[in-house]
Amino acid sequence: MKTKFLRVIGVLTIAMFIAMPVMAQDDFDEPENDIPIDGGITLLLAAGAGYGAKKLRDNRKKLQLKK
């Protein structure tokens, strides 16, 4: 257990030091064109709601069959 914890800490430390110099700089002179992420989030929320509704319906059917 201890060796697994130390491996995880080691990998996270190495990943942190590799990622630090890669941080993006925002020094552009031209106007920014922001990328909209609304479409993806909306699809993920809809998929999550659909999955939750399916699981709820399945659990209700399962409880009705047990009675």
PDB file of N, CA and C in Angstrom:
ATOM      1  N   MET A   1       0.828  -1.189   0.000  1.00  0.00           N
ATOM      2  CA  MET A   1       0.000   0.000   0.000  1.00  0.00           C
ATOM      3  C   MET A   1       0.873   1.254   0.000  1.00  0.00           C
ATOM      4  N   LYS A   2       1.934   1.200   0.818  1.00  0.00           N
ATOM      5  CA  LYS A   2       2.804   2.359   0.922  1.00  0.00           C
ATOM      6  C   LYS A   2       3.564   2.592  -0.380  1.00  0.00           C
ATOM      7  N   THR A   3       3.996   1.521  -1.037  1.00  0.00           N
ATOM      8  CA  THR A   3       4.735   1.690  -2.287  1.00  0.00           C
ATOM      9  C   THR A   3       3.832   2.233  -3.389  1.00  0.00           C
ATOM     10  N   LYS A   4       2.560   1.821  -3.388  1.00  0.00           N
ATOM     11  CA  LYS A   4       1.623   2.344  -4.378  1.00  0.00           C
ATOM     12  C   LYS A   4       1.408   3.843  -4.160  1.00  0.00           C
ATOM     13  N   PHE A   5       1.285   4.242  -2.898  1.00  0.00           N
ATOM     14  CA  PHE A   5       1.118   5.653  -2.571  1.00  0.00           C
ATOM     15  C   PHE A   5       2.338   6.457  -3.005  1.00  0.00           C
ATOM     16  N   LEU A   6       3.513   5.935  -2.762  1.00  0.00           N
ATOM     17  CA  LEU A   6       4.734   6.636  -3.150  1.00  0.00           C
ATOM     18  C   LEU A   6       4.860   6.736  -4.666  1.00  0.00           C
ATOM     19  N   ARG A   7       4.437   5.711  -5.394  1.00  0.00           N
ATOM     20  CA  ARG A   7       4.452   5.775  -6.864  1.00  0.00           C
ATOM     21  C   ARG A   7       3.517   6.863  -7.374  1.00  0.00           C
ATOM     22  N   VAL A   8       2.327   6.921  -6.795  1.00  0.00           N
ATOM     23  CA  VAL A   8       1.359   7.929  -7.223  1.00  0.00           C
ATOM     24  C   VAL A   8       1.893   9.328  -6.937  1.00  0.00           C
ATOM     25  N   ILE A   9       2.441   9.537  -5.776  1.00  0.00           N
ATOM     26  CA  ILE A   9       3.020  10.841  -5.426  1.00  0.00           C
ATOM     27  C   ILE A   9       4.168  11.173  -6.366  1.00  0.00           C
ATOM     28  N   GLY A  10       5.004  10.204  -6.679  1.00  0.00           N
ATOM     29  CA  GLY A  10       6.129  10.434  -7.594  1.00  0.00           C
ATOM     30  C   GLY A  10       5.663  10.807  -8.988  1.00  0.00           C
ATOM     31  N   VAL A  11       4.674  10.099  -9.499  1.00  0.00           N
ATOM     32  CA  VAL A  11       4.161  10.393 -10.841  1.00  0.00           C
ATOM     33  C   VAL A  11       3.513  11.777 -10.875  1.00  0.00           C
ATOM     34  N   LEU A  12       2.740  12.111  -9.843  1.00  0.00           N
ATOM     35  CA  LEU A  12       2.107  13.433  -9.797  1.00  0.00           C
ATOM     36  C   LEU A  12       3.141  14.554  -9.701  1.00  0.00           C
ATOM     37  N   THR A  13       4.199  14.330  -8.947  1.00  0.00           N
ATOM     38  CA  THR A  13       5.252  15.338  -8.831  1.00  0.00           C
ATOM     39  C   THR A  13       5.955  15.545 -10.165  1.00  0.00           C
ATOM     40  N   ILE A  14       6.284  14.464 -10.841  1.00  0.00           N
ATOM     41  CA  ILE A  14       6.939  14.573 -12.153  1.00  0.00           C
ATOM     42  C   ILE A  14       6.016  15.257 -13.149  1.00  0.00           C
ATOM     43  N   ALA A  15       4.734  14.888 -13.152  1.00  0.00           N
ATOM     44  CA  ALA A  15       3.781  15.510 -14.072  1.00  0.00           C
ATOM     45  C   ALA A  15       3.642  16.999 -13.793  1.00  0.00           C
ATOM     46  N   MET A  16       3.685  17.387 -12.526  1.00  0.00           N
ATOM     47  CA  MET A  16       3.565  18.797 -12.173  1.00  0.00           C
ATOM     48  C   MET A  16       4.768  19.592 -12.689  1.00  0.00           C
ATOM     49  N   PHE A  17       5.963  19.046 -12.531  1.00  0.00           N
ATOM     50  CA  PHE A  17       7.150  19.765 -12.984  1.00  0.00           C
ATOM     51  C   PHE A  17       7.268  19.792 -14.501  1.00  0.00           C
ATOM     52  N   ILE A  18       6.726  18.802 -15.181  1.00  0.00           N
ATOM     53  CA  ILE A  18       6.725  18.819 -16.640  1.00  0.00           C
ATOM     54  C   ILE A  18       5.706  19.825 -17.155  1.00  0.00           C
ATOM     55  N   ALA A  19       4.572  19.922 -16.489  1.00  0.00           N
ATOM     56  CA  ALA A  19       3.488  20.787 -16.955  1.00  0.00           C
ATOM     57  C   ALA A  19       3.751  22.261 -16.675  1.00  0.00           C
ATOM     58  N   MET A  20       4.576  22.595 -15.693  1.00  0.00           N
ATOM     59  CA  MET A  20       4.799  23.998 -15.347  1.00  0.00           C
ATOM     60  C   MET A  20       5.355  24.828 -16.500  1.00  0.00           C
ATOM     61  N   PRO A  21       6.380  24.392 -17.211  1.00  0.00           N
ATOM     62  CA  PRO A  21       6.895  25.235 -18.284  1.00  0.00           C
ATOM     63  C   PRO A  21       5.995  25.280 -19.517  1.00  0.00           C
ATOM     64  N   VAL A  22       4.986  24.452 -19.566  1.00  0.00           N
ATOM     65  CA  VAL A  22       4.134  24.372 -20.735  1.00  0.00           C
ATOM     66  C   VAL A  22       2.935  25.310 -20.629  1.00  0.00           C
ATOM     67  N   MET A  23       2.801  26.034 -19.536  1.00  0.00           N
ATOM     68  CA  MET A  23       1.652  26.919 -19.353  1.00  0.00           C
ATOM     69  C   MET A  23       1.590  27.951 -20.477  1.00  0.00           C
ATOM     70  N   ALA A  24       0.396  28.193 -20.958  1.00  0.00           N
ATOM     71  CA  ALA A  24       0.199  29.095 -22.098  1.00  0.00           C
ATOM     72  C   ALA A  24       0.356  30.553 -21.678  1.00  0.00           C
ATOM     73  N   GLN A  25       0.866  31.339 -22.605  1.00  0.00           N
ATOM     74  CA  GLN A  25       1.016  32.775 -22.391  1.00  0.00           C
ATOM     75  C   GLN A  25      -0.050  33.507 -23.184  1.00  0.00           C
ATOM     76  N   ASP A  26      -0.595  34.561 -22.625  1.00  0.00           N
ATOM     77  CA  ASP A  26      -1.652  35.319 -23.293  1.00  0.00           C
ATOM     78  C   ASP A  26      -1.110  36.705 -23.673  1.00  0.00           C
ATOM     79  N   ASP A  27      -0.156  36.749 -24.578  1.00  0.00           N
ATOM     80  CA  ASP A  27       0.429  38.016 -25.010  1.00  0.00           C
ATOM     81  C   ASP A  27       0.187  38.260 -26.494  1.00  0.00           C
ATOM     82  N   PHE A  28      -1.022  38.002 -26.961  1.00  0.00           N
ATOM     83  CA  PHE A  28      -1.337  38.199 -28.367  1.00  0.00           C
ATOM     84  C   PHE A  28      -1.851  39.607 -28.596  1.00  0.00           C
ATOM     85  N   ASP A  29      -1.417  40.219 -29.706  1.00  0.00           N
ATOM     86  CA  ASP A  29      -1.856  41.574 -30.034  1.00  0.00           C
ATOM     87  C   ASP A  29      -3.192  41.581 -30.765  1.00  0.00           C
ATOM     88  N   GLU A  30      -3.521  40.505 -31.452  1.00  0.00           N
ATOM     89  CA  GLU A  30      -4.760  40.443 -32.215  1.00  0.00           C
ATOM     90  C   GLU A  30      -5.937  40.121 -31.287  1.00  0.00           C
ATOM     91  N   PRO A  31      -7.157  40.442 -31.719  1.00  0.00           N
ATOM     92  CA  PRO A  31      -8.317  40.177 -30.854  1.00  0.00           C
ATOM     93  C   PRO A  31      -8.493  38.680 -30.600  1.00  0.00           C
ATOM     94  N   GLU A  32      -8.974  38.395 -29.426  1.00  0.00           N
ATOM     95  CA  GLU A  32      -9.134  36.990 -29.035  1.00  0.00           C
ATOM     96  C   GLU A  32     -10.399  36.403 -29.634  1.00  0.00           C
ATOM     97  N   ASN A  33     -10.314  35.195 -30.089  1.00  0.00           N
ATOM     98  CA  ASN A  33     -11.470  34.443 -30.543  1.00  0.00           C
ATOM     99  C   ASN A  33     -11.672  33.313 -29.554  1.00  0.00           C
ATOM    100  N   ASP A  34     -12.544  33.542 -28.583  1.00  0.00           N
ATOM    101  CA  ASP A  34     -12.785  32.534 -27.566  1.00  0.00           C
ATOM    102  C   ASP A  34     -13.530  31.354 -28.167  1.00  0.00           C
ATOM    103  N   ILE A  35     -13.213  30.194 -27.660  1.00  0.00           N
ATOM    104  CA  ILE A  35     -13.836  28.968 -28.150  1.00  0.00           C
ATOM    105  C   ILE A  35     -15.033  28.653 -27.250  1.00  0.00           C
ATOM    106  N   PRO A  36     -16.229  28.555 -27.824  1.00  0.00           N
ATOM    107  CA  PRO A  36     -17.389  28.238 -26.985  1.00  0.00           C
ATOM    108  C   PRO A  36     -17.381  26.763 -26.588  1.00  0.00           C
ATOM    109  N   ILE A  37     -17.613  26.509 -25.315  1.00  0.00           N
ATOM    110  CA  ILE A  37     -17.664  25.126 -24.848  1.00  0.00           C
ATOM    111  C   ILE A  37     -19.077  24.753 -24.433  1.00  0.00           C
ATOM    112  N   ASP A  38     -20.036  25.615 -24.704  1.00  0.00           N
ATOM    113  CA  ASP A  38     -21.406  25.387 -24.273  1.00  0.00           C
ATOM    114  C   ASP A  38     -22.003  24.145 -24.921  1.00  0.00           C
ATOM    115  N   GLY A  39     -21.736  23.904 -26.190  1.00  0.00           N
ATOM    116  CA  GLY A  39     -22.320  22.759 -26.875  1.00  0.00           C
ATOM    117  C   GLY A  39     -21.930  21.441 -26.242  1.00  0.00           C
ATOM    118  N   GLY A  40     -20.664  21.290 -25.900  1.00  0.00           N
ATOM    119  CA  GLY A  40     -20.200  20.056 -25.287  1.00  0.00           C
ATOM    120  C   GLY A  40     -20.763  19.843 -23.897  1.00  0.00           C
ATOM    121  N   ILE A  41     -20.816  20.915 -23.121  1.00  0.00           N
ATOM    122  CA  ILE A  41     -21.354  20.799 -21.763  1.00  0.00           C
ATOM    123  C   ILE A  41     -22.834  20.456 -21.812  1.00  0.00           C
ATOM    124  N   THR A  42     -23.559  21.065 -22.738  1.00  0.00           N
ATOM    125  CA  THR A  42     -24.981  20.776 -22.869  1.00  0.00           C
ATOM    126  C   THR A  42     -25.208  19.315 -23.227  1.00  0.00           C
ATOM    127  N   LEU A  43     -24.405  18.795 -24.142  1.00  0.00           N
ATOM    128  CA  LEU A  43     -24.539  17.383 -24.506  1.00  0.00           C
ATOM    129  C   LEU A  43     -24.210  16.459 -23.338  1.00  0.00           C
ATOM    130  N   LEU A  44     -23.183  16.798 -22.576  1.00  0.00           N
ATOM    131  CA  LEU A  44     -22.829  15.976 -21.417  1.00  0.00           C
ATOM    132  C   LEU A  44     -23.923  16.011 -20.357  1.00  0.00           C
ATOM    133  N   LEU A  45     -24.514  17.179 -20.122  1.00  0.00           N
ATOM    134  CA  LEU A  45     -25.606  17.272 -19.154  1.00  0.00           C
ATOM    135  C   LEU A  45     -26.816  16.473 -19.611  1.00  0.00           C
ATOM    136  N   ALA A  46     -27.139  16.560 -20.900  1.00  0.00           N
ATOM    137  CA  ALA A  46     -28.277  15.807 -21.430  1.00  0.00           C
ATOM    138  C   ALA A  46     -28.023  14.303 -21.339  1.00  0.00           C
ATOM    139  N   ALA A  47     -26.809  13.878 -21.650  1.00  0.00           N
ATOM    140  CA  ALA A  47     -26.475  12.454 -21.558  1.00  0.00           C
ATOM    141  C   ALA A  47     -26.537  11.978 -20.110  1.00  0.00           C
ATOM    142  N   GLY A  48     -26.059  12.789 -19.183  1.00  0.00           N
ATOM    143  CA  GLY A  48     -26.118  12.430 -17.765  1.00  0.00           C
ATOM    144  C   GLY A  48     -27.549  12.348 -17.258  1.00  0.00           C
ATOM    145  N   ALA A  49     -28.400  13.300 -17.685  1.00  0.00           N
ATOM    146  CA  ALA A  49     -29.806  13.266 -17.275  1.00  0.00           C
ATOM    147  C   ALA A  49     -30.505  12.036 -17.855  1.00  0.00           C
ATOM    148  N   GLY A  50     -30.221  11.707 -19.103  1.00  0.00           N
ATOM    149  CA  GLY A  50     -30.816  10.524 -19.715  1.00  0.00           C
ATOM    150  C   GLY A  50     -30.368   9.248 -19.027  1.00  0.00           C
ATOM    151  N   TYR A  51     -29.100   9.163 -18.711  1.00  0.00           N
ATOM    152  CA  TYR A  51     -28.567   7.983 -18.030  1.00  0.00           C
ATOM    153  C   TYR A  51     -29.184   7.853 -16.635  1.00  0.00           C
ATOM    154  N   GLY A  52     -29.299   8.973 -15.928  1.00  0.00           N
ATOM    155  CA  GLY A  52     -29.916   8.947 -14.600  1.00  0.00           C
ATOM    156  C   GLY A  52     -31.377   8.528 -14.664  1.00  0.00           C
ATOM    157  N   ALA A  53     -32.117   9.019 -15.667  1.00  0.00           N
ATOM    158  CA  ALA A  53     -33.517   8.641 -15.823  1.00  0.00           C
ATOM    159  C   ALA A  53     -33.644   7.151 -16.132  1.00  0.00           C
ATOM    160  N   LYS A  54     -32.748   6.633 -16.950  1.00  0.00           N
ATOM    161  CA  LYS A  54     -32.781   5.196 -17.279  1.00  0.00           C
ATOM    162  C   LYS A  54     -32.513   4.356 -16.037  1.00  0.00           C
ATOM    163  N   LYS A  55     -31.505   4.736 -15.251  1.00  0.00           N
ATOM    164  CA  LYS A  55     -31.190   3.987 -14.041  1.00  0.00           C
ATOM    165  C   LYS A  55     -32.347   4.048 -13.048  1.00  0.00           C
ATOM    166  N   LEU A  56     -32.987   5.203 -12.924  1.00  0.00           N
ATOM    167  CA  LEU A  56     -34.127   5.345 -12.030  1.00  0.00           C
ATOM    168  C   LEU A  56     -35.276   4.454 -12.481  1.00  0.00           C
ATOM    169  N   ARG A  57     -35.561   4.440 -13.780  1.00  0.00           N
ATOM    170  CA  ARG A  57     -36.628   3.613 -14.324  1.00  0.00           C
ATOM    171  C   ARG A  57     -36.315   2.123 -14.117  1.00  0.00           C
ATOM    172  N   ASP A  58     -35.066   1.738 -14.357  1.00  0.00           N
ATOM    173  CA  ASP A  58     -34.672   0.336 -14.155  1.00  0.00           C
ATOM    174  C   ASP A  58     -34.810  -0.084 -12.696  1.00  0.00           C
ATOM    175  N   ASN A  59     -34.424   0.801 -11.774  1.00  0.00           N
ATOM    176  CA  ASN A  59     -34.541   0.477 -10.346  1.00  0.00           C
ATOM    177  C   ASN A  59     -35.998   0.344  -9.930  1.00  0.00           C
ATOM    178  N   ARG A  60     -36.866   1.182 -10.455  1.00  0.00           N
ATOM    179  CA  ARG A  60     -38.295   1.096 -10.130  1.00  0.00           C
ATOM    180  C   ARG A  60     -38.889  -0.205 -10.663  1.00  0.00           C
ATOM    181  N   LYS A  61     -38.509  -0.592 -11.884  1.00  0.00           N
ATOM    182  CA  LYS A  61     -39.003  -1.853 -12.438  1.00  0.00           C
ATOM    183  C   LYS A  61     -38.496  -3.027 -11.597  1.00  0.00           C
ATOM    184  N   LYS A  62     -37.262  -2.957 -11.161  1.00  0.00           N
ATOM    185  CA  LYS A  62     -36.668  -4.022 -10.366  1.00  0.00           C
ATOM    186  C   LYS A  62     -37.400  -4.164  -9.028  1.00  0.00           C
ATOM    187  N   LEU A  63     -37.754  -3.038  -8.410  1.00  0.00           N
ATOM    188  CA  LEU A  63     -38.471  -3.081  -7.135  1.00  0.00           C
ATOM    189  C   LEU A  63     -39.892  -3.614  -7.322  1.00  0.00           C
ATOM    190  N   GLN A  64     -40.541  -3.297  -8.432  1.00  0.00           N
ATOM    191  CA  GLN A  64     -41.898  -3.787  -8.681  1.00  0.00           C
ATOM    192  C   GLN A  64     -41.895  -5.287  -8.916  1.00  0.00           C
ATOM    193  N   LEU A  65     -40.879  -5.830  -9.527  1.00  0.00           N
ATOM    194  CA  LEU A  65     -40.796  -7.260  -9.768  1.00  0.00           C
ATOM    195  C   LEU A  65     -40.570  -8.037  -8.475  1.00  0.00           C
ATOM    196  N   LYS A  66     -39.885  -7.433  -7.501  1.00  0.00           N
ATOM    197  CA  LYS A  66     -39.616  -8.108  -6.228  1.00  0.00           C
ATOM    198  C   LYS A  66     -40.862  -8.223  -5.375  1.00  0.00           C
ATOM    199  N   LYS A  67     -41.815  -7.314  -5.526  1.00  0.00           N
ATOM    200  CA  LYS A  67     -43.015  -7.318  -4.673  1.00  0.00           C
ATOM    201  C   LYS A  67     -43.936  -8.404  -5.011  1.00  0.00           C
TER     202      LYS A  67
END
